[in-house]
Amino acid sequence: MTQTFIAQLSNAGKARTNEAIKELLELDILARWKPKCRLIHLGHLTHYLKQEIRS
C-alpha cells in the first residue's frame, strides 16, 4: 500500500494519512508502515470499509 492509496481509501488528503495509517495499524489491518507497508488482514479491511460507508 502506498500513502496515496491510503489517502484515497480514507478519503483524506495526504497530510491526514498519518492518522489513517495509525488507525489501520491499531485495527491490525496493516503491519509495519515504514519502509514498506503490508496489508495483513483483508477481512479487517473489508469490515472497516463497510463501517466507513455506513457512517
Protein backbone atom coordinates (compact mmCIF):
# COMPACT_ATOMS: atom_id res chain seq x y z
CA MET A 1 0.00 0.00 0.00
CA THR A 2 1.18 3.49 -0.73
CA GLN A 3 0.42 6.72 1.09
CA THR A 4 -1.63 7.82 -1.93
CA PHE A 5 -3.72 4.64 -1.80
CA ILE A 6 -4.36 5.07 1.92
CA ALA A 7 -5.34 8.71 1.33
CA GLN A 8 -7.88 7.57 -1.25
CA LEU A 9 -9.06 4.72 0.95
CA SER A 10 -9.66 7.03 3.89
CA ASN A 11 -10.99 9.84 1.71
CA ALA A 12 -8.37 12.17 3.15
CA GLY A 13 -5.58 14.31 1.79
CA LYS A 14 -2.01 13.12 2.05
CA ALA A 15 -1.46 15.42 5.02
CA ARG A 16 -4.02 13.47 7.07
CA THR A 17 -2.96 9.99 6.02
CA ASN A 18 -0.77 9.55 9.11
CA GLU A 19 -3.96 9.50 11.18
CA ALA A 20 -5.47 6.91 8.85
CA ILE A 21 -2.29 4.82 8.90
CA LYS A 22 -2.27 4.88 12.71
CA GLU A 23 -5.89 3.74 12.80
CA LEU A 24 -5.25 0.94 10.28
CA LEU A 25 -2.26 -0.23 12.31
CA GLU A 26 -4.33 -0.23 15.53
CA LEU A 27 -7.05 -2.26 13.80
CA ASP A 28 -4.49 -4.86 12.67
CA ILE A 29 -5.25 -4.12 9.04
CA LEU A 30 -1.67 -3.07 8.36
CA ALA A 31 1.62 -4.39 9.65
CA ARG A 32 4.61 -2.05 9.71
CA TRP A 33 4.40 1.25 7.90
CA LYS A 34 7.98 2.06 7.02
CA PRO A 35 9.95 1.18 4.97
CA LYS A 36 7.20 -0.92 3.43
CA CYS A 37 3.57 -1.19 4.30
CA ARG A 38 1.92 -4.56 4.26
CA LEU A 39 -1.77 -5.46 4.29
CA ILE A 40 -2.18 -8.23 6.82
CA HIS A 41 -5.90 -8.82 7.16
CA LEU A 42 -8.26 -8.38 4.23
CA GLY A 43 -11.26 -9.30 6.40
CA HIS A 44 -10.49 -6.48 8.84
CA LEU A 45 -10.08 -4.06 5.92
CA THR A 46 -13.42 -5.12 4.45
CA HIS A 47 -15.14 -4.65 7.82
CA TYR A 48 -13.51 -1.22 8.25
CA LEU A 49 -14.62 -0.09 4.80
CA LYS A 50 -18.19 -1.24 5.38
CA GLN A 51 -18.32 0.80 8.59
CA GLU A 52 -16.91 3.85 6.81
CA ILE A 53 -19.54 3.58 4.09
CA ARG A 54 -22.35 3.41 6.66
CA SER A 55 -21.19 6.48 8.57
